[in-house]
Every structure is written in C-alpha cells, then in structure tokens.
C-alpha cells in the first residue's frame, strides 16, 4: 500500500512524464495498488510515456524502500477510446 509521501511522489512523476511526452490527462484514479488513467496522446507515444513513468516511479520506490525488482505485475493495459459515449462510460 502506498503511503501519502509515496502517493505525492507518484503524482509528481506522473506530472513530469505528462509534460515531457505532451500527454493530455482526462481522468485518473489512484488506487492503493493500481492506477486507472485516461490519456490522450498527440504524438502516438503512449508506450514511451508509460515506460518513462513506470520506470521512474519504480526506481524511486525501490530506492526509498531499499528493495529491488519489479514493482508492477504485468504490462499496462491500453484500450483505444473512439467515441464520446465510451469515454463517458470509462470515466464513471
């Protein structure tokens, strides 16, 4: 479970990644053990954005908690949103 300091750092790293890769965030929910995020990429760079974000947070977390290895289980799941009605449904 993330403590408040880790959550703040998580959001800082997310913000830096958003700026670096010119990604637009429409909605997000930071759960105790995972993240739901709706993003729009202007440059078809979702993979690079997610790699930078996940790697940066994992390195931070492992150093802070004196551990090593993977932080996330499995690869992120990306779903293409092609309609406004689907966007509305996902954002609920």
PDB file of N, CA and C in Angstrom:
ATOM      1  N   UNK A   1       0.845  -1.180   0.000  1.00  0.00           N
ATOM      2  CA  UNK A   1       0.000   0.000   0.000  1.00  0.00           C
ATOM      3  C   UNK A   1       0.894   1.249   0.000  1.00  0.00           C
ATOM      4  N   UNK A   2       0.497   2.234  -0.763  1.00  0.00           N
ATOM      5  CA  UNK A   2       1.261   3.476  -0.849  1.00  0.00           C
ATOM      6  C   UNK A   2       0.957   4.358   0.347  1.00  0.00           C
ATOM      7  N   UNK A   3       1.990   4.942   0.936  1.00  0.00           N
ATOM      8  CA  UNK A   3       1.766   5.930   1.979  1.00  0.00           C
ATOM      9  C   UNK A   3       1.637   7.294   1.303  1.00  0.00           C
ATOM     10  N   UNK A   4       1.192   8.296   2.033  1.00  0.00           N
ATOM     11  CA  UNK A   4       0.934   9.604   1.448  1.00  0.00           C
ATOM     12  C   UNK A   4       2.147  10.188   0.726  1.00  0.00           C
ATOM     13  N   UNK A   5       3.345  10.037   1.294  1.00  0.00           N
ATOM     14  CA  UNK A   5       4.535  10.581   0.651  1.00  0.00           C
ATOM     15  C   UNK A   5       4.771   9.899  -0.693  1.00  0.00           C
ATOM     16  N   UNK A   6       4.574   8.583  -0.735  1.00  0.00           N
ATOM     17  CA  UNK A   6       4.738   7.842  -1.982  1.00  0.00           C
ATOM     18  C   UNK A   6       3.684   8.256  -3.004  1.00  0.00           C
ATOM     19  N   UNK A   7       2.473   8.513  -2.557  1.00  0.00           N
ATOM     20  CA  UNK A   7       1.417   8.977  -3.466  1.00  0.00           C
ATOM     21  C   UNK A   7       1.768  10.345  -4.049  1.00  0.00           C
ATOM     22  N   UNK A   8       2.288  11.231  -3.226  1.00  0.00           N
ATOM     23  CA  UNK A   8       2.688  12.558  -3.713  1.00  0.00           C
ATOM     24  C   UNK A   8       3.797  12.442  -4.747  1.00  0.00           C
ATOM     25  N   UNK A   9       4.775  11.602  -4.478  1.00  0.00           N
ATOM     26  CA  UNK A   9       5.871  11.404  -5.423  1.00  0.00           C
ATOM     27  C   UNK A   9       5.354  10.764  -6.711  1.00  0.00           C
ATOM     28  N   UNK A  10       4.432   9.837  -6.580  1.00  0.00           N
ATOM     29  CA  UNK A  10       3.797   9.195  -7.729  1.00  0.00           C
ATOM     30  C   UNK A  10       3.173  10.255  -8.633  1.00  0.00           C
ATOM     31  N   UNK A  11       2.439  11.188  -8.037  1.00  0.00           N
ATOM     32  CA  UNK A  11       1.783  12.245  -8.811  1.00  0.00           C
ATOM     33  C   UNK A  11       2.797  13.226  -9.400  1.00  0.00           C
ATOM     34  N   UNK A  12       3.885  13.493  -8.696  1.00  0.00           N
ATOM     35  CA  UNK A  12       4.952  14.358  -9.233  1.00  0.00           C
ATOM     36  C   UNK A  12       5.585  13.726 -10.471  1.00  0.00           C
ATOM     37  N   UNK A  13       5.878  12.453 -10.385  1.00  0.00           N
ATOM     38  CA  UNK A  13       6.486  11.749 -11.514  1.00  0.00           C
ATOM     39  C   UNK A  13       5.500  11.664 -12.675  1.00  0.00           C
ATOM     40  N   UNK A  14       4.240  11.438 -12.368  1.00  0.00           N
ATOM     41  CA  UNK A  14       3.211  11.425 -13.409  1.00  0.00           C
ATOM     42  C   UNK A  14       3.144  12.775 -14.109  1.00  0.00           C
ATOM     43  N   UNK A  15       3.137  13.858 -13.349  1.00  0.00           N
ATOM     44  CA  UNK A  15       3.079  15.212 -13.927  1.00  0.00           C
ATOM     45  C   UNK A  15       4.292  15.488 -14.812  1.00  0.00           C
ATOM     46  N   UNK A  16       5.474  15.090 -14.364  1.00  0.00           N
ATOM     47  CA  UNK A  16       6.686  15.302 -15.166  1.00  0.00           C
ATOM     48  C   UNK A  16       6.630  14.492 -16.458  1.00  0.00           C
ATOM     49  N   UNK A  17       6.115  13.282 -16.381  1.00  0.00           N
ATOM     50  CA  UNK A  17       6.005  12.431 -17.572  1.00  0.00           C
ATOM     51  C   UNK A  17       4.989  13.011 -18.551  1.00  0.00           C
ATOM     52  N   UNK A  18       3.899  13.534 -18.027  1.00  0.00           N
ATOM     53  CA  UNK A  18       2.869  14.158 -18.861  1.00  0.00           C
ATOM     54  C   UNK A  18       3.453  15.332 -19.628  1.00  0.00           C
ATOM     55  N   UNK A  19       4.221  16.145 -18.929  1.00  0.00           N
ATOM     56  CA  UNK A  19       4.830  17.312 -19.570  1.00  0.00           C
ATOM     57  C   UNK A  19       5.872  16.893 -20.607  1.00  0.00           C
ATOM     58  N   UNK A  20       6.706  15.944 -20.252  1.00  0.00           N
ATOM     59  CA  UNK A  20       7.781  15.522 -21.152  1.00  0.00           C
ATOM     60  C   UNK A  20       7.237  14.924 -22.448  1.00  0.00           C
ATOM     61  N   UNK A  21       6.153  14.183 -22.377  1.00  0.00           N
ATOM     62  CA  UNK A  21       5.640  13.489 -23.559  1.00  0.00           C
ATOM     63  C   UNK A  21       4.393  14.139 -24.157  1.00  0.00           C
ATOM     64  N   UNK A  22       4.027  15.324 -23.681  1.00  0.00           N
ATOM     65  CA  UNK A  22       2.913  16.080 -24.253  1.00  0.00           C
ATOM     66  C   UNK A  22       1.628  15.248 -24.280  1.00  0.00           C
ATOM     67  N   UNK A  23       1.327  14.635 -23.141  1.00  0.00           N
ATOM     68  CA  UNK A  23       0.150  13.795 -22.992  1.00  0.00           C
ATOM     69  C   UNK A  23      -0.920  14.597 -22.246  1.00  0.00           C
ATOM     70  N   UNK A  24      -2.157  14.422 -22.643  1.00  0.00           N
ATOM     71  CA  UNK A  24      -3.284  15.112 -22.012  1.00  0.00           C
ATOM     72  C   UNK A  24      -4.040  14.111 -21.142  1.00  0.00           C
ATOM     73  N   UNK A  25      -4.211  14.421 -19.855  1.00  0.00           N
ATOM     74  CA  UNK A  25      -4.934  13.535 -18.935  1.00  0.00           C
ATOM     75  C   UNK A  25      -6.378  14.006 -18.818  1.00  0.00           C
ATOM     76  N   UNK A  26      -7.294  13.096 -19.084  1.00  0.00           N
ATOM     77  CA  UNK A  26      -8.721  13.407 -18.968  1.00  0.00           C
ATOM     78  C   UNK A  26      -9.279  13.000 -17.613  1.00  0.00           C
ATOM     79  N   UNK A  27      -8.754  11.914 -17.049  1.00  0.00           N
ATOM     80  CA  UNK A  27      -9.211  11.451 -15.733  1.00  0.00           C
ATOM     81  C   UNK A  27      -8.205  10.438 -15.193  1.00  0.00           C
ATOM     82  N   UNK A  28      -8.144  10.338 -13.868  1.00  0.00           N
ATOM     83  CA  UNK A  28      -7.334   9.280 -13.258  1.00  0.00           C
ATOM     84  C   UNK A  28      -7.887   8.957 -11.882  1.00  0.00           C
ATOM     85  N   UNK A  29      -7.618   7.728 -11.454  1.00  0.00           N
ATOM     86  CA  UNK A  29      -7.956   7.278 -10.110  1.00  0.00           C
ATOM     87  C   UNK A  29      -6.736   6.530  -9.607  1.00  0.00           C
ATOM     88  N   UNK A  30      -6.169   7.004  -8.522  1.00  0.00           N
ATOM     89  CA  UNK A  30      -5.012   6.359  -7.901  1.00  0.00           C
ATOM     90  C   UNK A  30      -5.531   5.489  -6.763  1.00  0.00           C
ATOM     91  N   UNK A  31      -5.522   4.188  -6.992  1.00  0.00           N
ATOM     92  CA  UNK A  31      -5.996   3.228  -6.003  1.00  0.00           C
ATOM     93  C   UNK A  31      -4.821   2.836  -5.095  1.00  0.00           C
ATOM     94  N   UNK A  32      -5.073   2.037  -4.091  1.00  0.00           N
ATOM     95  CA  UNK A  32      -3.993   1.643  -3.181  1.00  0.00           C
ATOM     96  C   UNK A  32      -2.984   0.714  -3.849  1.00  0.00           C
ATOM     97  N   UNK A  33      -3.405   0.005  -4.904  1.00  0.00           N
ATOM     98  CA  UNK A  33      -2.476  -0.935  -5.534  1.00  0.00           C
ATOM     99  C   UNK A  33      -2.426  -0.843  -7.061  1.00  0.00           C
ATOM    100  N   UNK A  34      -3.105   0.117  -7.656  1.00  0.00           N
ATOM    101  CA  UNK A  34      -3.036   0.301  -9.106  1.00  0.00           C
ATOM    102  C   UNK A  34      -3.597   1.661  -9.502  1.00  0.00           C
ATOM    103  N   UNK A  35      -3.499   1.954 -10.788  1.00  0.00           N
ATOM    104  CA  UNK A  35      -3.901   3.252 -11.330  1.00  0.00           C
ATOM    105  C   UNK A  35      -4.812   3.042 -12.524  1.00  0.00           C
ATOM    106  N   UNK A  36      -5.854   3.843 -12.606  1.00  0.00           N
ATOM    107  CA  UNK A  36      -6.668   3.942 -13.821  1.00  0.00           C
ATOM    108  C   UNK A  36      -6.439   5.345 -14.344  1.00  0.00           C
ATOM    109  N   UNK A  37      -6.122   5.461 -15.619  1.00  0.00           N
ATOM    110  CA  UNK A  37      -5.842   6.779 -16.194  1.00  0.00           C
ATOM    111  C   UNK A  37      -6.358   6.827 -17.630  1.00  0.00           C
ATOM    112  N   UNK A  38      -7.013   7.918 -17.965  1.00  0.00           N
ATOM    113  CA  UNK A  38      -7.478   8.149 -19.334  1.00  0.00           C
ATOM    114  C   UNK A  38      -6.629   9.273 -19.899  1.00  0.00           C
ATOM    115  N   UNK A  39      -5.846   8.957 -20.931  1.00  0.00           N
ATOM    116  CA  UNK A  39      -4.938   9.934 -21.525  1.00  0.00           C
ATOM    117  C   UNK A  39      -5.171  10.029 -23.025  1.00  0.00           C
ATOM    118  N   UNK A  40      -4.793  11.184 -23.547  1.00  0.00           N
ATOM    119  CA  UNK A  40      -4.797  11.409 -24.988  1.00  0.00           C
ATOM    120  C   UNK A  40      -3.366  11.726 -25.389  1.00  0.00           C
ATOM    121  N   UNK A  41      -2.864  10.997 -26.377  1.00  0.00           N
ATOM    122  CA  UNK A  41      -1.518  11.252 -26.870  1.00  0.00           C
ATOM    123  C   UNK A  41      -1.629  11.971 -28.206  1.00  0.00           C
ATOM    124  N   UNK A  42      -0.912  13.055 -28.336  1.00  0.00           N
ATOM    125  CA  UNK A  42      -0.924  13.821 -29.581  1.00  0.00           C
ATOM    126  C   UNK A  42       0.127  13.307 -30.553  1.00  0.00           C
ATOM    127  N   UNK A  43       1.088  12.552 -30.040  1.00  0.00           N
ATOM    128  CA  UNK A  43       2.238  12.147 -30.832  1.00  0.00           C
ATOM    129  C   UNK A  43       2.380  10.626 -30.934  1.00  0.00           C
ATOM    130  N   UNK A  44       1.327   9.883 -30.663  1.00  0.00           N
ATOM    131  CA  UNK A  44       1.358   8.411 -30.699  1.00  0.00           C
ATOM    132  C   UNK A  44       2.542   7.862 -29.912  1.00  0.00           C
ATOM    133  N   UNK A  45       2.707   8.361 -28.687  1.00  0.00           N
ATOM    134  CA  UNK A  45       3.865   7.991 -27.868  1.00  0.00           C
ATOM    135  C   UNK A  45       3.459   7.390 -26.516  1.00  0.00           C
ATOM    136  N   UNK A  46       2.340   6.705 -26.480  1.00  0.00           N
ATOM    137  CA  UNK A  46       1.855   6.135 -25.225  1.00  0.00           C
ATOM    138  C   UNK A  46       2.876   5.173 -24.615  1.00  0.00           C
ATOM    139  N   UNK A  47       3.470   4.325 -25.431  1.00  0.00           N
ATOM    140  CA  UNK A  47       4.436   3.355 -24.916  1.00  0.00           C
ATOM    141  C   UNK A  47       5.620   4.047 -24.248  1.00  0.00           C
ATOM    142  N   UNK A  48       6.153   5.083 -24.872  1.00  0.00           N
ATOM    143  CA  UNK A  48       7.292   5.811 -24.296  1.00  0.00           C
ATOM    144  C   UNK A  48       6.881   6.534 -23.016  1.00  0.00           C
ATOM    145  N   UNK A  49       5.703   7.140 -23.018  1.00  0.00           N
ATOM    146  CA  UNK A  49       5.175   7.820 -21.841  1.00  0.00           C
ATOM    147  C   UNK A  49       5.056   6.842 -20.665  1.00  0.00           C
ATOM    148  N   UNK A  50       4.418   5.703 -20.905  1.00  0.00           N
ATOM    149  CA  UNK A  50       4.212   4.728 -19.838  1.00  0.00           C
ATOM    150  C   UNK A  50       5.535   4.130 -19.369  1.00  0.00           C
ATOM    151  N   UNK A  51       6.466   3.897 -20.290  1.00  0.00           N
ATOM    152  CA  UNK A  51       7.766   3.350 -19.907  1.00  0.00           C
ATOM    153  C   UNK A  51       8.512   4.328 -19.000  1.00  0.00           C
ATOM    154  N   UNK A  52       8.530   5.600 -19.372  1.00  0.00           N
ATOM    155  CA  UNK A  52       9.223   6.609 -18.565  1.00  0.00           C
ATOM    156  C   UNK A  52       8.571   6.731 -17.196  1.00  0.00           C
ATOM    157  N   UNK A  53       7.258   6.812 -17.185  1.00  0.00           N
ATOM    158  CA  UNK A  53       6.526   6.972 -15.937  1.00  0.00           C
ATOM    159  C   UNK A  53       6.721   5.758 -15.017  1.00  0.00           C
ATOM    160  N   UNK A  54       6.481   4.563 -15.538  1.00  0.00           N
ATOM    161  CA  UNK A  54       6.600   3.357 -14.713  1.00  0.00           C
ATOM    162  C   UNK A  54       8.024   3.131 -14.222  1.00  0.00           C
ATOM    163  N   UNK A  55       9.000   3.322 -15.100  1.00  0.00           N
ATOM    164  CA  UNK A  55      10.393   3.128 -14.700  1.00  0.00           C
ATOM    165  C   UNK A  55      10.813   4.148 -13.651  1.00  0.00           C
ATOM    166  N   UNK A  56      10.472   5.399 -13.855  1.00  0.00           N
ATOM    167  CA  UNK A  56      10.847   6.450 -12.905  1.00  0.00           C
ATOM    168  C   UNK A  56      10.268   6.191 -11.520  1.00  0.00           C
ATOM    169  N   UNK A  57       8.994   5.814 -11.473  1.00  0.00           N
ATOM    170  CA  UNK A  57       8.387   5.569 -10.167  1.00  0.00           C
ATOM    171  C   UNK A  57       8.969   4.313  -9.521  1.00  0.00           C
ATOM    172  N   UNK A  58       9.210   3.277 -10.299  1.00  0.00           N
ATOM    173  CA  UNK A  58       9.773   2.051  -9.756  1.00  0.00           C
ATOM    174  C   UNK A  58      11.156   2.292  -9.162  1.00  0.00           C
ATOM    175  N   UNK A  59      11.992   3.042  -9.859  1.00  0.00           N
ATOM    176  CA  UNK A  59      13.330   3.365  -9.353  1.00  0.00           C
ATOM    177  C   UNK A  59      13.223   4.150  -8.049  1.00  0.00           C
ATOM    178  N   UNK A  60      12.359   5.174  -8.028  1.00  0.00           N
ATOM    179  CA  UNK A  60      12.148   5.957  -6.798  1.00  0.00           C
ATOM    180  C   UNK A  60      11.716   5.043  -5.653  1.00  0.00           C
ATOM    181  N   UNK A  61      10.671   4.246  -5.879  1.00  0.00           N
ATOM    182  CA  UNK A  61      10.081   3.418  -4.835  1.00  0.00           C
ATOM    183  C   UNK A  61      11.088   2.397  -4.307  1.00  0.00           C
ATOM    184  N   UNK A  62      11.803   1.743  -5.215  1.00  0.00           N
ATOM    185  CA  UNK A  62      12.785   0.738  -4.789  1.00  0.00           C
ATOM    186  C   UNK A  62      13.913   1.357  -3.968  1.00  0.00           C
ATOM    187  N   UNK A  63      14.375   2.525  -4.360  1.00  0.00           N
ATOM    188  CA  UNK A  63      15.431   3.196  -3.579  1.00  0.00           C
ATOM    189  C   UNK A  63      14.915   3.597  -2.201  1.00  0.00           C
ATOM    190  N   UNK A  64      13.746   4.193  -2.164  1.00  0.00           N
ATOM    191  CA  UNK A  64      13.177   4.671  -0.896  1.00  0.00           C
ATOM    192  C   UNK A  64      12.936   3.520   0.081  1.00  0.00           C
ATOM    193  N   UNK A  65      12.480   2.395  -0.427  1.00  0.00           N
ATOM    194  CA  UNK A  65      12.118   1.276   0.437  1.00  0.00           C
ATOM    195  C   UNK A  65      13.173   0.168   0.461  1.00  0.00           C
ATOM    196  N   UNK A  66      14.375   0.494  -0.072  1.00  0.00           N
ATOM    197  CA  UNK A  66      15.511  -0.425  -0.046  1.00  0.00           C
ATOM    198  C   UNK A  66      15.138  -1.818  -0.561  1.00  0.00           C
ATOM    199  N   UNK A  67      14.605  -1.829  -1.762  1.00  0.00           N
ATOM    200  CA  UNK A  67      14.236  -3.089  -2.395  1.00  0.00           C
ATOM    201  C   UNK A  67      14.675  -3.055  -3.847  1.00  0.00           C
ATOM    202  N   UNK A  68      14.472  -4.143  -4.552  1.00  0.00           N
ATOM    203  CA  UNK A  68      14.824  -4.200  -5.969  1.00  0.00           C
ATOM    204  C   UNK A  68      13.784  -5.030  -6.705  1.00  0.00           C
ATOM    205  N   UNK A  69      13.850  -4.968  -8.016  1.00  0.00           N
ATOM    206  CA  UNK A  69      12.954  -5.779  -8.825  1.00  0.00           C
ATOM    207  C   UNK A  69      11.739  -5.015  -9.304  1.00  0.00           C
ATOM    208  N   UNK A  70      10.807  -5.783  -9.858  1.00  0.00           N
ATOM    209  CA  UNK A  70       9.601  -5.205 -10.438  1.00  0.00           C
ATOM    210  C   UNK A  70       8.671  -4.666  -9.364  1.00  0.00           C
ATOM    211  N   UNK A  71       8.013  -3.598  -9.678  1.00  0.00           N
ATOM    212  CA  UNK A  71       7.015  -3.030  -8.775  1.00  0.00           C
ATOM    213  C   UNK A  71       5.616  -3.384  -9.258  1.00  0.00           C
ATOM    214  N   UNK A  72       5.454  -3.417 -10.569  1.00  0.00           N
ATOM    215  CA  UNK A  72       4.146  -3.690 -11.171  1.00  0.00           C
ATOM    216  C   UNK A  72       4.076  -5.129 -11.650  1.00  0.00           C
ATOM    217  N   UNK A  73       2.892  -5.698 -11.539  1.00  0.00           N
ATOM    218  CA  UNK A  73       2.675  -7.051 -12.041  1.00  0.00           C
ATOM    219  C   UNK A  73       2.113  -6.950 -13.453  1.00  0.00           C
ATOM    220  N   UNK A  74       2.824  -7.449 -14.417  1.00  0.00           N
ATOM    221  CA  UNK A  74       2.350  -7.444 -15.796  1.00  0.00           C
ATOM    222  C   UNK A  74       2.495  -6.089 -16.461  1.00  0.00           C
ATOM    223  N   UNK A  75       2.138  -6.058 -17.722  1.00  0.00           N
ATOM    224  CA  UNK A  75       2.225  -4.859 -18.549  1.00  0.00           C
ATOM    225  C   UNK A  75       0.956  -4.041 -18.377  1.00  0.00           C
ATOM    226  N   UNK A  76       1.051  -2.746 -18.644  1.00  0.00           N
ATOM    227  CA  UNK A  76      -0.142  -1.917 -18.582  1.00  0.00           C
ATOM    228  C   UNK A  76      -1.106  -2.327 -19.680  1.00  0.00           C
ATOM    229  N   UNK A  77      -2.375  -2.054 -19.479  1.00  0.00           N
ATOM    230  CA  UNK A  77      -3.400  -2.389 -20.465  1.00  0.00           C
ATOM    231  C   UNK A  77      -3.892  -1.099 -21.104  1.00  0.00           C
ATOM    232  N   UNK A  78      -3.805  -1.020 -22.416  1.00  0.00           N
ATOM    233  CA  UNK A  78      -4.241   0.165 -23.146  1.00  0.00           C
ATOM    234  C   UNK A  78      -5.475  -0.173 -23.977  1.00  0.00           C
ATOM    235  N   UNK A  79      -6.501   0.652 -23.830  1.00  0.00           N
ATOM    236  CA  UNK A  79      -7.741   0.486 -24.589  1.00  0.00           C
ATOM    237  C   UNK A  79      -7.965   1.762 -25.381  1.00  0.00           C
ATOM    238  N   UNK A  80      -8.170   1.622 -26.690  1.00  0.00           N
ATOM    239  CA  UNK A  80      -8.422   2.770 -27.543  1.00  0.00           C
ATOM    240  C   UNK A  80      -9.860   3.245 -27.356  1.00  0.00           C
ATOM    241  N   UNK A  81     -10.022   4.532 -27.117  1.00  0.00           N
ATOM    242  CA  UNK A  81     -11.345   5.133 -26.949  1.00  0.00           C
ATOM    243  C   UNK A  81     -11.670   5.904 -28.220  1.00  0.00           C
ATOM    244  N   UNK A  82     -12.674   5.428 -28.948  1.00  0.00           N
ATOM    245  CA  UNK A  82     -13.000   6.044 -30.231  1.00  0.00           C
ATOM    246  C   UNK A  82     -14.291   6.849 -30.223  1.00  0.00           C
ATOM    247  N   UNK A  83     -15.068   6.757 -29.158  1.00  0.00           N
ATOM    248  CA  UNK A  83     -16.328   7.506 -29.141  1.00  0.00           C
ATOM    249  C   UNK A  83     -16.506   8.239 -27.818  1.00  0.00           C
ATOM    250  N   UNK A  84     -17.240   9.329 -27.874  1.00  0.00           N
ATOM    251  CA  UNK A  84     -17.518  10.105 -26.666  1.00  0.00           C
ATOM    252  C   UNK A  84     -18.318   9.304 -25.653  1.00  0.00           C
ATOM    253  N   UNK A  85     -19.227   8.454 -26.126  1.00  0.00           N
ATOM    254  CA  UNK A  85     -20.047   7.663 -25.201  1.00  0.00           C
ATOM    255  C   UNK A  85     -19.178   6.664 -24.431  1.00  0.00           C
ATOM    256  N   UNK A  86     -18.178   6.092 -25.087  1.00  0.00           N
ATOM    257  CA  UNK A  86     -17.275   5.163 -24.409  1.00  0.00           C
ATOM    258  C   UNK A  86     -16.388   5.918 -23.417  1.00  0.00           C
ATOM    259  N   UNK A  87     -15.941   7.096 -23.785  1.00  0.00           N
ATOM    260  CA  UNK A  87     -15.166   7.934 -22.874  1.00  0.00           C
ATOM    261  C   UNK A  87     -15.977   8.244 -21.619  1.00  0.00           C
ATOM    262  N   UNK A  88     -17.219   8.593 -21.793  1.00  0.00           N
ATOM    263  CA  UNK A  88     -18.109   8.879 -20.655  1.00  0.00           C
ATOM    264  C   UNK A  88     -18.249   7.648 -19.768  1.00  0.00           C
ATOM    265  N   UNK A  89     -18.442   6.499 -20.370  1.00  0.00           N
ATOM    266  CA  UNK A  89     -18.608   5.258 -19.616  1.00  0.00           C
ATOM    267  C   UNK A  89     -17.347   4.933 -18.816  1.00  0.00           C
ATOM    268  N   UNK A  90     -16.190   5.054 -19.431  1.00  0.00           N
ATOM    269  CA  UNK A  90     -14.930   4.750 -18.734  1.00  0.00           C
ATOM    270  C   UNK A  90     -14.642   5.747 -17.621  1.00  0.00           C
ATOM    271  N   UNK A  91     -15.008   6.979 -17.808  1.00  0.00           N
ATOM    272  CA  UNK A  91     -14.700   7.993 -16.800  1.00  0.00           C
ATOM    273  C   UNK A  91     -15.599   7.918 -15.568  1.00  0.00           C
ATOM    274  N   UNK A  92     -16.664   7.159 -15.651  1.00  0.00           N
ATOM    275  CA  UNK A  92     -17.507   6.973 -14.463  1.00  0.00           C
ATOM    276  C   UNK A  92     -16.765   6.151 -13.502  1.00  0.00           C
TER     277      UNK A  92
END
